[in-house]
Amino acid sequence: MLYREAGQFKSSYGADEAIFPIRQDRWLFAAALIVAYVVVPLIASEYWLLSILIPFLVFSLAAIGLNILTGYAGQVSLGTGGFMAVGAFATYKLATSFPDLNIVVVFILAGLITAMVGVLFGWPSLRIKGFYLAVATLAAQFFLIWMFNKFPWFNNYTPSGVISAPPRAVFGHVFVTGAEANSVDKYLFVLSAVTLLALAAKNLVRGRVGREWMAIRDMDIAAEIIGIRPLKTKLLAFAISSFYCGIAGAMWAFIYTGGVEALAFDIDRSFQILFMIIIGGLGSILGSFLGAAFIVLLPLLLERTPMALGFDVPVNYLSNMQSMIFGALIIFFLIVEPRGLARLWQIGKEKLRMWPFPY
């Protein structure tokens, strides 16, 4: 089979610990990048770019952030939507207060501001964990949304409370926000940002920091005994997770929707991101992408399938059906394969390696 790896010998630790140690994985990743950067902008319509691919990429980034905190570090969080809101409103304040600041710098600064907020609300994780930590992050979710609605300073005193993205360019006349931006430029910008941040996260979780996170996740007392500092490790997980979620919220408000209010990042958004990593796979960067793709494409599939089969199903029935199928699939994955779609992909690769005698 094409996935056989016999003869691919590693002569150094660096080669053995590479992100893609198998040649076929490197080919697959390179092919995916070629399709994403070259083929998709040429053949995809504006609807697919703006309504399907960009939200998929933004959701993937937010799912990576939550997966770092929950999947790798074992800290349950229900405040993802609130941290996304911090990133969105911080970007708005920075972009309007410093109009000459490059949008890339604005996104990075907004992510850093969100990281500081994440550290603040992650401080109780030293004393509480599990269900109690989930309640603490849930309180952070409600507090942040209340704060953005209560104080009009965050939206520059607009009567509607909606923040609108001002036109900003990455360089020259290549705009990625505002009415001047076109769909291809938006897509390529989000794709580049998500690709770089996903590779950074993959490298991070494979190194010393990632091993410390997983040690805390598996048994925090044993991790402390062997010299891992719980407070530093947990707060670092909250900071990096919030950084990713903040940039995802900024891209959601400024690139995807162009204008948003605080209620767009309510508790439903937090649960939506949580469901992505449950279905995609906890503790897996690939699982974040698979879960986001599942969540984005499932409503589209459920909407188009009855029409393709010639059935006239009312919209309210479709909405209820989506919720039922969504909940059933979450229960299915929790029972049958708790490690999600990423684990199924891993099992498939192992079978290909053993072909024609798969176990």
Protein backbone atom coordinates (compact mmCIF):
# COMPACT_ATOMS: atom_id res chain seq x y z
CA MET A 1 0.00 0.00 0.00
CA LEU A 2 1.02 3.61 -0.49
CA TYR A 3 1.21 4.21 3.25
CA ARG A 4 3.88 1.56 3.90
CA GLU A 5 6.82 3.12 5.73
CA ALA A 6 9.31 0.26 5.43
CA GLY A 7 12.77 1.54 4.57
CA GLN A 8 12.24 5.04 5.96
CA PHE A 9 15.04 4.87 8.53
CA LYS A 10 15.72 7.71 10.95
CA SER A 11 19.37 8.53 11.63
CA SER A 12 18.83 11.33 14.20
CA TYR A 13 16.52 12.30 17.02
CA GLY A 14 15.44 15.36 15.06
CA ALA A 15 14.26 13.24 12.14
CA ASP A 16 12.47 10.81 14.44
CA GLU A 17 10.70 13.60 16.34
CA ALA A 18 9.68 15.65 13.28
CA ILE A 19 6.09 16.80 12.98
CA PHE A 20 5.67 14.51 9.97
CA PRO A 21 8.22 11.68 10.41
CA ILE A 22 6.63 9.58 7.65
CA ARG A 23 7.18 10.67 4.07
CA GLN A 24 3.56 10.04 3.08
CA ASP A 25 2.36 12.42 5.80
CA ARG A 26 4.63 15.14 4.45
CA TRP A 27 3.28 14.56 0.95
CA LEU A 28 -0.30 14.70 2.19
CA PHE A 29 0.33 17.91 4.11
CA ALA A 30 2.05 19.52 1.12
CA ALA A 31 -0.81 18.48 -1.16
CA ALA A 32 -3.35 19.92 1.29
CA LEU A 33 -1.47 23.25 1.32
CA ILE A 34 -1.33 23.34 -2.49
CA VAL A 35 -5.06 22.71 -2.72
CA ALA A 36 -5.84 25.28 -0.03
CA TYR A 37 -3.60 28.03 -1.42
CA VAL A 38 -3.87 27.46 -5.18
CA VAL A 39 -6.87 25.36 -6.14
CA VAL A 40 -9.48 26.68 -3.70
CA PRO A 41 -9.04 30.42 -4.57
CA LEU A 42 -9.37 29.55 -8.26
CA ILE A 43 -12.50 27.39 -8.14
CA ALA A 44 -14.36 28.31 -4.94
CA SER A 45 -17.24 30.73 -5.16
CA GLU A 46 -17.61 33.76 -2.92
CA TYR A 47 -20.29 31.94 -0.95
CA TRP A 48 -17.97 29.03 -0.17
CA LEU A 49 -15.10 31.32 0.77
CA LEU A 50 -17.07 33.66 3.03
CA SER A 51 -19.75 31.35 4.43
CA ILE A 52 -18.01 27.97 4.66
CA LEU A 53 -14.22 28.08 4.54
CA ILE A 54 -13.52 31.22 6.59
CA PRO A 55 -15.80 30.23 9.51
CA PHE A 56 -14.32 26.72 9.35
CA LEU A 57 -10.80 28.14 9.73
CA VAL A 58 -11.82 30.53 12.52
CA PHE A 59 -13.60 27.73 14.38
CA SER A 60 -10.53 25.52 13.93
CA LEU A 61 -8.33 28.17 15.54
CA ALA A 62 -10.70 28.55 18.49
CA ALA A 63 -10.90 24.76 18.84
CA ILE A 64 -7.09 24.53 18.90
CA GLY A 65 -7.06 27.07 21.71
CA LEU A 66 -9.60 25.14 23.77
CA ASN A 67 -7.89 21.84 22.96
CA ILE A 68 -4.63 23.18 24.37
CA LEU A 69 -6.35 23.98 27.65
CA THR A 70 -8.78 21.07 27.95
CA GLY A 71 -7.34 18.33 25.75
CA TYR A 72 -3.66 18.71 26.64
CA ALA A 73 -3.63 20.46 30.03
CA GLY A 74 -6.83 18.87 31.35
CA GLN A 75 -8.37 22.17 32.53
CA VAL A 76 -12.09 22.21 31.72
CA SER A 77 -13.27 25.55 30.37
CA LEU A 78 -16.70 26.88 29.42
CA GLY A 79 -15.53 30.44 28.81
CA THR A 80 -14.25 30.18 25.24
CA GLY A 81 -16.93 32.52 23.90
CA GLY A 82 -16.03 35.15 26.48
CA PHE A 83 -12.35 35.02 25.54
CA MET A 84 -13.28 35.31 21.86
CA ALA A 85 -15.28 38.42 22.78
CA VAL A 86 -12.24 39.89 24.54
CA GLY A 87 -10.21 39.41 21.36
CA ALA A 88 -12.90 40.98 19.20
CA PHE A 89 -13.44 44.07 21.37
CA ALA A 90 -9.71 44.52 22.03
CA THR A 91 -9.11 44.48 18.27
CA TYR A 92 -11.84 47.07 17.78
CA LYS A 93 -10.42 49.42 20.41
CA LEU A 94 -6.88 49.07 19.08
CA ALA A 95 -7.89 49.49 15.44
CA THR A 96 -9.96 52.61 16.14
CA SER A 97 -7.51 54.16 18.60
CA PHE A 98 -4.42 53.53 16.46
CA PRO A 99 -5.58 53.66 12.82
CA ASP A 100 -2.01 53.51 11.47
CA LEU A 101 -1.23 50.24 13.24
CA ASN A 102 -0.97 47.24 10.91
CA ILE A 103 -3.85 44.80 11.26
CA VAL A 104 -1.46 41.91 11.91
CA VAL A 105 0.02 43.78 14.88
CA VAL A 106 -3.49 44.62 16.07
CA PHE A 107 -4.48 40.95 16.04
CA ILE A 108 -1.33 39.95 17.94
CA LEU A 109 -1.83 42.66 20.56
CA ALA A 110 -5.48 41.66 20.96
CA GLY A 111 -4.36 38.07 21.46
CA LEU A 112 -1.90 39.15 24.14
CA ILE A 113 -4.60 41.16 25.92
CA THR A 114 -6.85 38.10 25.84
CA ALA A 115 -3.99 35.99 27.21
CA MET A 116 -3.70 38.31 30.21
CA VAL A 117 -7.45 38.06 30.81
CA GLY A 118 -7.17 34.27 30.53
CA VAL A 119 -4.42 34.21 33.15
CA LEU A 120 -6.58 36.30 35.47
CA PHE A 121 -9.54 33.94 35.24
CA GLY A 122 -7.27 30.87 35.22
CA TRP A 123 -5.79 31.72 38.61
CA PRO A 124 -8.40 29.68 40.55
CA SER A 125 -7.25 26.55 38.67
CA LEU A 126 -4.52 26.06 41.28
CA ARG A 127 -7.12 25.33 43.96
CA ILE A 128 -10.07 23.93 42.04
CA LYS A 129 -10.45 21.54 39.15
CA GLY A 130 -13.01 19.48 37.28
CA PHE A 131 -16.62 20.56 37.67
CA TYR A 132 -15.73 23.48 39.96
CA LEU A 133 -13.24 24.88 37.45
CA ALA A 134 -15.87 24.57 34.72
CA VAL A 135 -18.25 26.64 36.88
CA ALA A 136 -15.52 29.25 37.46
CA THR A 137 -14.88 29.62 33.71
CA LEU A 138 -18.63 29.71 33.13
CA ALA A 139 -18.79 32.65 35.53
CA ALA A 140 -16.02 34.32 33.51
CA GLN A 141 -18.10 33.78 30.36
CA PHE A 142 -21.14 35.54 31.80
CA PHE A 143 -19.08 38.31 33.41
CA LEU A 144 -17.22 39.20 30.21
CA ILE A 145 -20.37 39.33 28.08
CA TRP A 146 -22.11 41.42 30.76
CA MET A 147 -19.16 43.81 30.91
CA PHE A 148 -19.09 44.40 27.14
CA ASN A 149 -22.84 45.05 27.15
CA LYS A 150 -22.82 47.22 30.27
CA PHE A 151 -19.98 49.62 29.49
CA PRO A 152 -20.34 51.42 26.13
CA TRP A 153 -16.67 52.45 26.19
CA PHE A 154 -15.78 49.09 24.65
CA ASN A 155 -17.89 49.83 21.54
CA ASN A 156 -17.00 53.54 21.38
CA TYR A 157 -20.46 54.53 22.67
CA THR A 158 -22.38 53.29 19.64
CA PRO A 159 -26.14 53.22 20.43
CA SER A 160 -26.62 49.72 18.98
CA GLY A 161 -23.65 48.22 20.81
CA VAL A 162 -22.41 46.68 17.57
CA ILE A 163 -18.74 47.02 16.62
CA SER A 164 -17.99 47.36 12.90
CA ALA A 165 -14.64 46.53 11.35
CA PRO A 166 -12.85 49.55 9.86
CA PRO A 167 -10.99 48.95 6.58
CA ARG A 168 -7.46 47.77 7.27
CA ALA A 169 -4.81 46.38 4.90
CA VAL A 170 -2.10 43.84 5.54
CA PHE A 171 0.19 45.67 3.12
CA GLY A 172 -0.40 48.09 0.28
CA HIS A 173 -3.92 47.79 -1.04
CA VAL A 174 -4.50 44.22 0.16
CA PHE A 175 -7.41 44.82 2.54
CA VAL A 176 -8.67 42.04 4.79
CA THR A 177 -11.28 44.01 6.75
CA GLY A 178 -13.96 46.48 5.74
CA ALA A 179 -15.90 46.87 2.51
CA GLU A 180 -12.70 47.17 0.45
CA ALA A 181 -11.63 43.59 1.21
CA ASN A 182 -12.45 40.83 -1.26
CA SER A 183 -13.22 37.23 -0.37
CA VAL A 184 -9.98 35.72 -1.71
CA ASP A 185 -7.74 38.08 0.27
CA LYS A 186 -9.76 37.40 3.42
CA TYR A 187 -9.53 33.65 2.90
CA LEU A 188 -5.79 33.63 2.21
CA PHE A 189 -5.08 35.82 5.23
CA VAL A 190 -7.10 33.63 7.60
CA LEU A 191 -5.62 30.47 6.07
CA SER A 192 -2.06 31.73 6.54
CA ALA A 193 -2.69 32.77 10.15
CA VAL A 194 -4.38 29.49 11.06
CA THR A 195 -1.64 27.42 9.35
CA LEU A 196 1.17 29.20 11.21
CA LEU A 197 -0.60 29.06 14.57
CA ALA A 198 -1.54 25.39 14.11
CA LEU A 199 2.08 24.47 13.34
CA ALA A 200 3.21 26.49 16.36
CA ALA A 201 0.70 24.67 18.57
CA LYS A 202 1.80 21.30 17.18
CA ASN A 203 5.42 22.08 18.00
CA LEU A 204 4.48 23.38 21.43
CA VAL A 205 2.54 20.31 22.54
CA ARG A 206 5.36 18.00 21.36
CA GLY A 207 7.99 19.76 23.48
CA ARG A 208 8.74 20.20 27.17
CA VAL A 209 5.74 22.49 27.74
CA GLY A 210 3.36 20.02 26.15
CA ARG A 211 4.73 17.15 28.23
CA GLU A 212 4.23 19.22 31.38
CA TRP A 213 0.64 19.94 30.36
CA MET A 214 -0.09 16.26 29.78
CA ALA A 215 1.54 15.33 33.09
CA ILE A 216 -0.73 17.79 34.91
CA ARG A 217 -3.70 16.44 32.97
CA ASP A 218 -3.00 12.78 33.79
CA MET A 219 -2.09 13.19 37.49
CA ASP A 220 -1.31 16.61 38.87
CA ILE A 221 -0.02 15.34 42.24
CA ALA A 222 2.50 13.02 40.59
CA ALA A 223 3.53 15.82 38.22
CA GLU A 224 4.20 18.12 41.17
CA ILE A 225 6.26 15.43 42.88
CA ILE A 226 8.60 15.11 39.89
CA GLY A 227 9.23 18.86 39.84
CA ILE A 228 6.53 20.36 37.59
CA ARG A 229 5.13 23.61 39.00
CA PRO A 230 1.33 23.37 38.74
CA LEU A 231 0.55 27.10 38.91
CA LYS A 232 3.03 28.07 36.21
CA THR A 233 1.99 25.18 33.96
CA LYS A 234 -1.74 25.78 34.30
CA LEU A 235 -1.51 29.55 33.87
CA LEU A 236 0.64 29.10 30.77
CA ALA A 237 -2.03 26.81 29.34
CA PHE A 238 -4.71 29.41 30.08
CA ALA A 239 -2.57 32.17 28.53
CA ILE A 240 -1.80 30.36 25.28
CA SER A 241 -5.33 29.00 24.97
CA SER A 242 -6.80 32.48 25.48
CA PHE A 243 -4.32 33.92 22.96
CA TYR A 244 -5.61 31.55 20.29
CA CYS A 245 -9.25 32.13 21.22
CA GLY A 246 -8.72 35.91 21.23
CA ILE A 247 -7.30 35.90 17.71
CA ALA A 248 -10.14 33.63 16.61
CA GLY A 249 -12.68 36.09 18.06
CA ALA A 250 -10.93 39.00 16.33
CA MET A 251 -11.05 37.22 12.98
CA TRP A 252 -14.68 36.27 13.53
CA ALA A 253 -15.71 39.88 14.14
CA PHE A 254 -13.40 41.67 11.71
CA ILE A 255 -12.99 39.27 8.79
CA TYR A 256 -15.96 36.89 8.82
CA THR A 257 -18.93 39.00 9.95
CA GLY A 258 -17.50 42.53 9.63
CA GLY A 259 -19.63 43.62 12.59
CA VAL A 260 -20.67 41.91 15.77
CA GLU A 261 -22.20 42.45 19.21
CA ALA A 262 -21.18 40.84 22.46
CA LEU A 263 -24.11 38.39 22.43
CA ALA A 264 -22.57 36.70 19.39
CA PHE A 265 -20.07 35.17 21.83
CA ASP A 266 -22.55 33.92 24.40
CA ILE A 267 -22.56 30.56 26.16
CA ASP A 268 -23.84 28.81 23.02
CA ARG A 269 -20.59 29.72 21.27
CA SER A 270 -18.58 28.22 24.12
CA PHE A 271 -20.50 24.97 23.97
CA GLN A 272 -20.15 24.91 20.19
CA ILE A 273 -16.34 25.05 20.46
CA LEU A 274 -16.42 22.42 23.22
CA PHE A 275 -18.45 20.08 21.00
CA MET A 276 -15.88 20.51 18.24
CA ILE A 277 -13.02 19.16 20.31
CA ILE A 278 -15.19 16.36 21.73
CA ILE A 279 -16.18 15.17 18.25
CA GLY A 280 -12.82 15.91 16.65
CA GLY A 281 -10.71 14.49 19.43
CA LEU A 282 -9.37 15.76 22.76
CA GLY A 283 -5.62 16.27 22.80
CA SER A 284 -5.26 16.44 19.02
CA ILE A 285 -4.50 19.39 16.76
CA LEU A 286 -5.87 17.47 13.79
CA GLY A 287 -9.00 16.73 15.81
CA SER A 288 -9.63 20.47 16.15
CA PHE A 289 -9.83 20.78 12.37
CA LEU A 290 -11.94 17.65 11.98
CA GLY A 291 -14.39 18.78 14.66
CA ALA A 292 -14.70 22.26 13.14
CA ALA A 293 -15.30 20.78 9.69
CA PHE A 294 -17.97 18.49 11.14
CA ILE A 295 -19.78 21.33 12.91
CA VAL A 296 -19.66 23.65 9.90
CA LEU A 297 -20.64 21.09 7.25
CA LEU A 298 -23.28 19.14 9.18
CA PRO A 299 -25.97 21.88 9.08
CA LEU A 300 -25.28 22.41 5.37
CA LEU A 301 -25.57 18.68 4.69
CA LEU A 302 -28.78 18.34 6.69
CA GLU A 303 -30.25 21.33 4.88
CA ARG A 304 -29.36 20.22 1.36
CA THR A 305 -30.04 16.47 1.63
CA PRO A 306 -33.89 16.64 1.87
CA MET A 307 -33.94 19.10 -1.05
CA ALA A 308 -31.74 16.81 -3.13
CA LEU A 309 -34.07 13.88 -2.40
CA GLY A 310 -37.13 15.91 -3.36
CA PHE A 311 -38.59 16.34 0.13
CA ASP A 312 -40.10 19.64 1.23
CA VAL A 313 -39.18 19.84 4.90
CA PRO A 314 -40.11 22.98 6.90
CA VAL A 315 -37.23 25.07 8.20
CA ASN A 316 -38.20 24.63 11.85
CA TYR A 317 -38.14 20.85 11.43
CA LEU A 318 -34.66 21.04 9.93
CA SER A 319 -33.44 23.14 12.84
CA ASN A 320 -34.81 20.69 15.40
CA MET A 321 -33.44 17.76 13.42
CA GLN A 322 -29.98 19.31 13.43
CA SER A 323 -30.06 19.68 17.21
CA MET A 324 -31.22 16.07 17.67
CA ILE A 325 -28.62 14.61 15.33
CA PHE A 326 -25.94 16.82 16.84
CA GLY A 327 -26.70 15.66 20.37
CA ALA A 328 -26.93 12.01 19.32
CA LEU A 329 -23.54 12.17 17.62
CA ILE A 330 -21.92 13.70 20.70
CA ILE A 331 -23.30 10.87 22.85
CA PHE A 332 -22.16 8.36 20.22
CA PHE A 333 -18.58 9.65 20.22
CA LEU A 334 -18.44 9.80 24.02
CA ILE A 335 -19.50 6.15 24.24
CA VAL A 336 -17.95 4.52 21.16
CA GLU A 337 -14.82 6.59 20.55
CA PRO A 338 -14.11 9.18 23.27
CA ARG A 339 -10.98 10.33 21.42
CA GLY A 340 -13.05 11.45 18.44
CA LEU A 341 -12.49 11.53 14.71
CA ALA A 342 -8.75 11.99 15.10
CA ARG A 343 -8.52 8.58 16.77
CA LEU A 344 -10.44 6.98 13.90
CA TRP A 345 -7.97 8.54 11.46
CA GLN A 346 -5.07 7.20 13.53
CA ILE A 347 -6.58 3.69 13.55
CA GLY A 348 -7.01 3.87 9.77
CA LYS A 349 -3.34 4.76 9.30
CA GLU A 350 -2.26 1.88 11.54
CA LYS A 351 -4.30 -0.55 9.47
CA LEU A 352 -2.72 0.75 6.27
CA ARG A 353 0.73 0.19 7.75
CA MET A 354 -0.12 -3.48 8.49
CA TRP A 355 -1.85 -4.22 5.17
CA PRO A 356 -2.69 -6.90 4.00
CA PHE A 357 -2.75 -8.22 7.59
CA PRO A 358 -4.49 -5.45 9.56
CA TYR A 359 -5.36 -6.33 13.11
